[in-house]
N, C-alpha and C. Protein backbone atom coordinates (compact mmCIF):
# COMPACT_ATOMS: atom_id res chain seq x y z
N UNK A 1 -0.05 6.95 11.51
CA UNK A 1 -1.12 6.14 10.98
C UNK A 1 -0.53 5.19 9.94
N UNK A 2 -1.05 3.97 9.91
CA UNK A 2 -0.62 2.99 8.93
C UNK A 2 -1.63 2.94 7.79
N UNK A 3 -1.09 2.93 6.58
CA UNK A 3 -1.92 2.87 5.38
C UNK A 3 -1.57 1.61 4.58
N UNK A 4 -2.59 1.01 4.00
CA UNK A 4 -2.41 -0.13 3.11
C UNK A 4 -2.55 0.39 1.69
N UNK A 5 -1.54 0.12 0.87
CA UNK A 5 -1.54 0.59 -0.51
C UNK A 5 -1.69 -0.62 -1.42
N UNK A 6 -2.75 -0.65 -2.20
CA UNK A 6 -2.95 -1.69 -3.21
C UNK A 6 -2.42 -1.16 -4.52
N UNK A 7 -1.62 -1.99 -5.21
CA UNK A 7 -0.96 -1.50 -6.42
C UNK A 7 -0.71 -2.61 -7.42
N UNK A 8 -0.41 -2.19 -8.65
CA UNK A 8 0.09 -3.05 -9.71
C UNK A 8 1.56 -2.69 -9.87
N UNK A 9 2.40 -3.66 -10.18
CA UNK A 9 3.83 -3.38 -10.27
C UNK A 9 4.21 -2.49 -11.45
N UNK A 10 3.42 -2.47 -12.50
CA UNK A 10 3.74 -1.67 -13.67
C UNK A 10 2.53 -0.85 -14.11
N UNK A 11 2.79 0.37 -14.49
CA UNK A 11 1.71 1.22 -15.01
C UNK A 11 1.28 0.79 -16.41
N UNK A 12 2.10 0.00 -17.06
CA UNK A 12 1.81 -0.42 -18.44
C UNK A 12 0.85 -1.59 -18.51
N UNK A 13 0.76 -2.39 -17.42
CA UNK A 13 -0.13 -3.54 -17.41
C UNK A 13 -1.54 -3.12 -17.06
N UNK A 14 -2.51 -3.85 -17.63
CA UNK A 14 -3.90 -3.62 -17.26
C UNK A 14 -4.12 -4.15 -15.84
N UNK A 15 -4.79 -3.38 -14.99
CA UNK A 15 -5.03 -3.83 -13.61
C UNK A 15 -5.89 -5.10 -13.60
N UNK A 16 -5.43 -6.08 -12.80
CA UNK A 16 -6.18 -7.31 -12.61
C UNK A 16 -6.11 -7.65 -11.13
N UNK A 17 -7.21 -8.11 -10.59
CA UNK A 17 -7.26 -8.47 -9.17
C UNK A 17 -6.18 -9.49 -8.81
N UNK A 18 -5.95 -10.43 -9.70
CA UNK A 18 -4.99 -11.51 -9.43
C UNK A 18 -3.56 -10.99 -9.28
N UNK A 19 -3.26 -9.88 -9.89
CA UNK A 19 -1.89 -9.36 -9.83
C UNK A 19 -1.75 -8.14 -8.90
N UNK A 20 -2.81 -7.82 -8.18
CA UNK A 20 -2.74 -6.72 -7.22
C UNK A 20 -1.93 -7.14 -6.00
N UNK A 21 -1.03 -6.25 -5.59
CA UNK A 21 -0.19 -6.50 -4.42
C UNK A 21 -0.41 -5.38 -3.42
N UNK A 22 0.14 -5.54 -2.22
CA UNK A 22 -0.06 -4.50 -1.22
C UNK A 22 1.22 -4.26 -0.44
N UNK A 23 1.35 -3.02 0.02
CA UNK A 23 2.41 -2.64 0.94
C UNK A 23 1.76 -1.82 2.06
N UNK A 24 2.46 -1.72 3.17
CA UNK A 24 1.98 -0.97 4.31
C UNK A 24 2.97 0.14 4.60
N UNK A 25 2.44 1.37 4.76
CA UNK A 25 3.29 2.54 4.93
C UNK A 25 2.80 3.35 6.13
N UNK A 26 3.75 3.81 6.93
CA UNK A 26 3.44 4.67 8.07
C UNK A 26 3.63 6.12 7.62
N UNK A 27 2.56 6.92 7.71
CA UNK A 27 2.62 8.32 7.28
C UNK A 27 1.54 9.12 8.00
N UNK A 28 1.61 10.42 7.83
CA UNK A 28 0.61 11.31 8.46
C UNK A 28 -0.66 11.46 7.66
N UNK A 29 -0.59 11.19 6.35
CA UNK A 29 -1.78 11.33 5.50
C UNK A 29 -1.64 10.47 4.26
N UNK A 30 -2.76 10.24 3.61
CA UNK A 30 -2.73 9.46 2.37
C UNK A 30 -1.99 10.21 1.26
N UNK A 31 -1.97 11.53 1.35
CA UNK A 31 -1.23 12.34 0.37
C UNK A 31 0.26 12.05 0.49
N UNK A 32 0.76 12.00 1.71
CA UNK A 32 2.18 11.66 1.93
C UNK A 32 2.49 10.27 1.41
N UNK A 33 1.57 9.34 1.64
CA UNK A 33 1.77 7.96 1.16
C UNK A 33 1.87 7.95 -0.35
N UNK A 34 0.93 8.60 -1.02
CA UNK A 34 0.92 8.63 -2.49
C UNK A 34 2.21 9.24 -3.03
N UNK A 35 2.64 10.35 -2.45
CA UNK A 35 3.87 11.00 -2.91
C UNK A 35 5.08 10.10 -2.71
N UNK A 36 5.17 9.43 -1.57
CA UNK A 36 6.30 8.55 -1.29
C UNK A 36 6.35 7.39 -2.26
N UNK A 37 5.20 6.76 -2.50
CA UNK A 37 5.16 5.62 -3.41
C UNK A 37 5.48 6.07 -4.83
N UNK A 38 4.88 7.16 -5.27
CA UNK A 38 5.12 7.64 -6.63
C UNK A 38 6.57 8.09 -6.85
N UNK A 39 7.18 8.66 -5.84
CA UNK A 39 8.57 9.15 -5.96
C UNK A 39 9.61 8.04 -5.87
N UNK A 40 9.25 6.91 -5.26
CA UNK A 40 10.24 5.87 -5.00
C UNK A 40 10.00 4.55 -5.74
N UNK A 41 8.90 4.45 -6.47
CA UNK A 41 8.61 3.20 -7.18
C UNK A 41 7.99 3.52 -8.54
N UNK A 42 7.82 2.46 -9.34
CA UNK A 42 7.10 2.57 -10.61
C UNK A 42 5.71 1.97 -10.50
N UNK A 43 5.24 1.78 -9.28
CA UNK A 43 3.96 1.14 -9.05
C UNK A 43 2.80 2.00 -9.54
N UNK A 44 1.75 1.31 -9.98
CA UNK A 44 0.49 1.96 -10.34
C UNK A 44 -0.45 1.78 -9.14
N UNK A 45 -0.69 2.84 -8.40
CA UNK A 45 -1.51 2.78 -7.19
C UNK A 45 -2.98 2.64 -7.56
N UNK A 46 -3.62 1.63 -6.98
CA UNK A 46 -5.05 1.42 -7.19
C UNK A 46 -5.87 2.06 -6.08
N UNK A 47 -5.38 1.88 -4.83
CA UNK A 47 -6.19 2.32 -3.69
C UNK A 47 -5.29 2.50 -2.48
N UNK A 48 -5.56 3.51 -1.68
CA UNK A 48 -4.85 3.73 -0.41
C UNK A 48 -5.90 3.72 0.69
N UNK A 49 -5.70 2.83 1.66
CA UNK A 49 -6.67 2.67 2.74
C UNK A 49 -6.03 2.93 4.09
N UNK A 50 -6.62 3.81 4.86
CA UNK A 50 -6.16 4.06 6.22
C UNK A 50 -6.68 2.91 7.10
N UNK A 51 -5.79 2.29 7.87
CA UNK A 51 -6.19 1.14 8.69
C UNK A 51 -6.51 1.58 10.11
N UNK A 52 -7.71 1.22 10.57
CA UNK A 52 -8.03 1.48 11.97
C UNK A 52 -7.37 0.38 12.82
N UNK A 53 -7.47 0.46 14.13
CA UNK A 53 -6.76 -0.46 15.02
C UNK A 53 -7.14 -1.92 14.78
N UNK A 54 -8.43 -2.19 14.62
CA UNK A 54 -8.88 -3.57 14.43
C UNK A 54 -8.38 -4.14 13.10
N UNK A 55 -8.47 -3.35 12.06
CA UNK A 55 -8.02 -3.81 10.75
C UNK A 55 -6.50 -4.01 10.74
N UNK A 56 -5.79 -3.11 11.39
CA UNK A 56 -4.33 -3.24 11.47
C UNK A 56 -3.94 -4.51 12.22
N UNK A 57 -4.64 -4.79 13.32
CA UNK A 57 -4.39 -6.03 14.07
C UNK A 57 -4.56 -7.25 13.18
N UNK A 58 -5.61 -7.25 12.41
CA UNK A 58 -5.89 -8.37 11.48
C UNK A 58 -4.77 -8.49 10.44
N UNK A 59 -4.38 -7.38 9.84
CA UNK A 59 -3.34 -7.39 8.80
C UNK A 59 -1.99 -7.86 9.38
N UNK A 60 -1.70 -7.49 10.61
CA UNK A 60 -0.43 -7.85 11.23
C UNK A 60 -0.32 -9.36 11.48
N UNK A 61 -1.41 -10.07 11.50
CA UNK A 61 -1.40 -11.53 11.67
C UNK A 61 -0.96 -12.24 10.39
N UNK A 62 -1.03 -11.56 9.28
CA UNK A 62 -0.64 -12.16 8.01
C UNK A 62 0.88 -12.29 7.92
N UNK A 63 1.37 -13.41 7.38
CA UNK A 63 2.83 -13.56 7.22
C UNK A 63 3.40 -12.57 6.19
N UNK A 64 2.55 -11.98 5.36
CA UNK A 64 3.00 -11.04 4.34
C UNK A 64 3.09 -9.61 4.86
N UNK A 65 2.65 -9.37 6.09
CA UNK A 65 2.67 -8.01 6.64
C UNK A 65 4.11 -7.57 6.90
N UNK A 66 4.45 -6.42 6.33
CA UNK A 66 5.77 -5.83 6.56
C UNK A 66 5.64 -4.34 6.29
N UNK A 67 6.07 -3.53 7.22
CA UNK A 67 5.99 -2.09 7.06
C UNK A 67 7.08 -1.61 6.10
N UNK A 68 6.68 -0.89 5.08
CA UNK A 68 7.63 -0.40 4.07
C UNK A 68 8.05 1.03 4.43
N UNK A 69 9.33 1.29 4.35
CA UNK A 69 9.85 2.63 4.63
C UNK A 69 10.51 3.20 3.37
N UNK A 70 10.24 4.46 3.14
CA UNK A 70 10.84 5.14 1.98
C UNK A 70 11.81 6.19 2.47
């Protein structure tokens, strides 16, 4: 399953919509995604969303779409 992770680059900054970024991770559960991101980055996770087929198709059309591997 592919998950979209919305995050801020630093835990020290106040979250702002304008500075929210996203990565896409392939994992079996959102728990695995959270653990992988927390263990491998300093990102402050805002939200983890499981993408269904239609949403994934839409996201893949974006030039910013890239699957992140940890």
